[in-house]
Amino acid sequence: MSLQKMNRKNPLVHCSTNYVVANFTANGLLAIGASLVMADTQKEIAEINYLELVAEGRK
């Protein structure tokens, strides 16, 4: 996907990263027009994964 197309679509990205690079990752995604979610706990991650399945029509 081109950067222009990504900027128009404004995708929501689920990030799994560590605290050392979290800010760098967030800034990079924001710079290319994405929105992001950084879940910390297993419960939050499970909820996000479930919502992804619902959005894709698989749940």
Protein backbone atom coordinates (compact mmCIF):
# COMPACT_ATOMS: atom_id res chain seq x y z
CA MET A 1 0.00 0.00 0.00
CA SER A 2 1.38 3.39 -0.93
CA LEU A 3 1.84 6.09 1.68
CA GLN A 4 -0.76 8.26 -0.08
CA LYS A 5 -3.32 5.45 0.01
CA MET A 6 -2.51 4.71 3.66
CA ASN A 7 -2.91 8.37 4.54
CA ARG A 8 -6.37 8.45 2.91
CA LYS A 9 -7.54 5.24 4.60
CA ASN A 10 -6.17 6.16 8.05
CA PRO A 11 -5.82 2.51 9.16
CA LEU A 12 -6.04 1.43 12.78
CA VAL A 13 -2.90 -0.53 13.66
CA HIS A 14 -2.65 -2.87 16.64
CA CYS A 15 0.96 -2.63 17.88
CA SER A 16 2.77 -5.21 19.93
CA THR A 17 6.04 -3.63 20.99
CA ASN A 18 8.19 -3.05 24.02
CA TYR A 19 8.45 0.12 26.08
CA VAL A 20 11.88 1.01 24.68
CA VAL A 21 10.62 1.59 21.12
CA ALA A 22 6.92 2.31 21.78
CA ASN A 23 7.25 6.08 21.34
CA PHE A 24 9.35 5.71 18.17
CA THR A 25 6.83 3.23 16.71
CA ALA A 26 3.87 5.45 17.59
CA ASN A 27 5.46 8.53 16.04
CA GLY A 28 6.33 6.64 12.86
CA LEU A 29 2.79 5.33 12.42
CA LEU A 30 1.28 8.74 13.13
CA ALA A 31 3.65 10.33 10.61
CA ILE A 32 2.30 8.14 7.81
CA GLY A 33 -1.33 8.78 8.72
CA ALA A 34 -2.19 5.67 10.73
CA SER A 35 -4.00 5.50 14.05
CA LEU A 36 -2.73 3.05 16.61
CA VAL A 37 -3.59 0.99 19.63
CA MET A 38 -0.94 -0.25 22.04
CA ALA A 39 -2.51 -2.71 24.43
CA ASP A 40 -0.52 -3.69 27.53
CA THR A 41 -2.44 -6.42 29.32
CA GLN A 42 -3.49 -9.83 28.03
CA LYS A 43 -7.13 -8.86 28.58
CA GLU A 44 -6.77 -5.73 26.42
CA ILE A 45 -4.98 -7.72 23.71
CA ALA A 46 -7.73 -10.37 23.70
CA GLU A 47 -10.40 -7.65 23.40
CA ILE A 48 -8.59 -5.97 20.50
CA ASN A 49 -8.12 -9.30 18.72
CA TYR A 50 -11.83 -10.05 19.14
CA LEU A 51 -12.78 -6.64 17.72
CA GLU A 52 -10.49 -7.27 14.74
CA LEU A 53 -12.30 -10.55 14.03
CA VAL A 54 -15.70 -8.82 14.31
CA ALA A 55 -14.59 -6.04 11.94
CA GLU A 56 -13.47 -8.67 9.42
CA GLY A 57 -16.77 -10.52 9.73
CA ARG A 58 -15.18 -13.65 11.20
CA LYS A 59 -17.09 -13.48 14.53
